[in-house]
Amino acid sequence: MGYYSAFSENQTDRGIRTSPYTCLGLADVQNHYGSAQISIVWKMKESCPGFVMKKTVKV
């Protein structure tokens, strides 16, 4: 399989405008499970950008 581009939605602005997306980098599918609602396990080619991880820890 090839690599896919992974994006994350920035949920800081919930007005009428569309929320911007941040490119996390390239990812490869490692596994998937479920049928009606599928869950996918991704392996990132490189680590996520630091500012993304910093925001994630706050949640």
C-alpha atoms as a PDB file:
ATOM      1  CA  MET A   1       0.000   0.000   0.000  1.00  0.00           C
ATOM      2  CA  GLY A   2       1.020   3.589  -0.414  1.00  0.00           C
ATOM      3  CA  TYR A   3       1.027   6.468   2.012  1.00  0.00           C
ATOM      4  CA  TYR A   4      -1.991   8.721   2.615  1.00  0.00           C
ATOM      5  CA  SER A   5      -2.016  12.383   3.636  1.00  0.00           C
ATOM      6  CA  ALA A   6      -3.447  12.797   7.149  1.00  0.00           C
ATOM      7  CA  PHE A   7      -5.273  16.000   8.103  1.00  0.00           C
ATOM      8  CA  SER A   8      -6.798  17.198  11.367  1.00  0.00           C
ATOM      9  CA  GLU A   9      -9.640  19.696  11.711  1.00  0.00           C
ATOM     10  CA  ASN A  10      -8.896  22.726  13.888  1.00  0.00           C
ATOM     11  CA  GLN A  11     -11.957  23.207  16.085  1.00  0.00           C
ATOM     12  CA  THR A  12     -10.979  26.582  17.494  1.00  0.00           C
ATOM     13  CA  ASP A  13     -13.467  28.551  15.403  1.00  0.00           C
ATOM     14  CA  ARG A  14     -17.045  27.268  15.415  1.00  0.00           C
ATOM     15  CA  GLY A  15     -18.666  30.281  13.725  1.00  0.00           C
ATOM     16  CA  ILE A  16     -20.377  30.137  10.354  1.00  0.00           C
ATOM     17  CA  ARG A  17     -17.060  29.681   8.573  1.00  0.00           C
ATOM     18  CA  THR A  18     -15.515  26.315   7.844  1.00  0.00           C
ATOM     19  CA  SER A  19     -12.800  25.263  10.289  1.00  0.00           C
ATOM     20  CA  PRO A  20      -9.296  25.093   8.776  1.00  0.00           C
ATOM     21  CA  TYR A  21      -7.338  21.829   8.540  1.00  0.00           C
ATOM     22  CA  THR A  22      -3.727  21.078   9.494  1.00  0.00           C
ATOM     23  CA  CYS A  23      -1.647  18.595   7.510  1.00  0.00           C
ATOM     24  CA  LEU A  24      -0.211  16.041   9.939  1.00  0.00           C
ATOM     25  CA  GLY A  25       1.979  14.328   7.344  1.00  0.00           C
ATOM     26  CA  LEU A  26       2.008  10.987   5.564  1.00  0.00           C
ATOM     27  CA  ALA A  27       0.488   7.871   7.134  1.00  0.00           C
ATOM     28  CA  ASP A  28       0.218   4.189   6.230  1.00  0.00           C
ATOM     29  CA  VAL A  29      -2.703   1.898   7.146  1.00  0.00           C
ATOM     30  CA  GLN A  30      -1.612  -0.670   9.762  1.00  0.00           C
ATOM     31  CA  ASN A  31      -4.920  -2.324  10.620  1.00  0.00           C
ATOM     32  CA  HIS A  32      -8.676  -1.862  10.465  1.00  0.00           C
ATOM     33  CA  TYR A  33     -11.607  -3.413  12.285  1.00  0.00           C
ATOM     34  CA  GLY A  34     -15.369  -3.099  12.527  1.00  0.00           C
ATOM     35  CA  SER A  35     -17.894  -3.099   9.718  1.00  0.00           C
ATOM     36  CA  ALA A  36     -20.740  -0.615  10.087  1.00  0.00           C
ATOM     37  CA  GLN A  37     -18.397   1.918  11.676  1.00  0.00           C
ATOM     38  CA  ILE A  38     -14.862   1.083  10.640  1.00  0.00           C
ATOM     39  CA  SER A  39     -11.869   1.987  12.800  1.00  0.00           C
ATOM     40  CA  ILE A  40      -8.488   2.438  11.132  1.00  0.00           C
ATOM     41  CA  VAL A  41      -5.089   2.251  12.848  1.00  0.00           C
ATOM     42  CA  TRP A  42      -2.559   4.519  11.134  1.00  0.00           C
ATOM     43  CA  LYS A  43       1.237   4.645  11.420  1.00  0.00           C
ATOM     44  CA  MET A  44       2.682   8.067  10.748  1.00  0.00           C
ATOM     45  CA  LYS A  45       5.771   8.176   8.521  1.00  0.00           C
ATOM     46  CA  GLU A  46       7.189  10.935  10.760  1.00  0.00           C
ATOM     47  CA  SER A  47       6.107  12.375  14.108  1.00  0.00           C
ATOM     48  CA  CYS A  48       3.242  14.867  14.152  1.00  0.00           C
ATOM     49  CA  PRO A  49       4.243  18.540  14.271  1.00  0.00           C
ATOM     50  CA  GLY A  50       4.988  19.736  17.823  1.00  0.00           C
ATOM     51  CA  PHE A  51       2.278  22.401  17.880  1.00  0.00           C
ATOM     52  CA  VAL A  52      -0.345  19.721  17.105  1.00  0.00           C
ATOM     53  CA  MET A  53       0.838  17.502  19.967  1.00  0.00           C
ATOM     54  CA  LYS A  54       0.827  20.509  22.322  1.00  0.00           C
ATOM     55  CA  LYS A  55      -2.857  21.195  21.493  1.00  0.00           C
ATOM     56  CA  THR A  56      -3.721  17.504  21.853  1.00  0.00           C
ATOM     57  CA  VAL A  57      -2.334  17.332  25.392  1.00  0.00           C
ATOM     58  CA  LYS A  58      -4.666  20.204  26.432  1.00  0.00           C
ATOM     59  CA  VAL A  59      -7.759  18.182  25.515  1.00  0.00           C
END
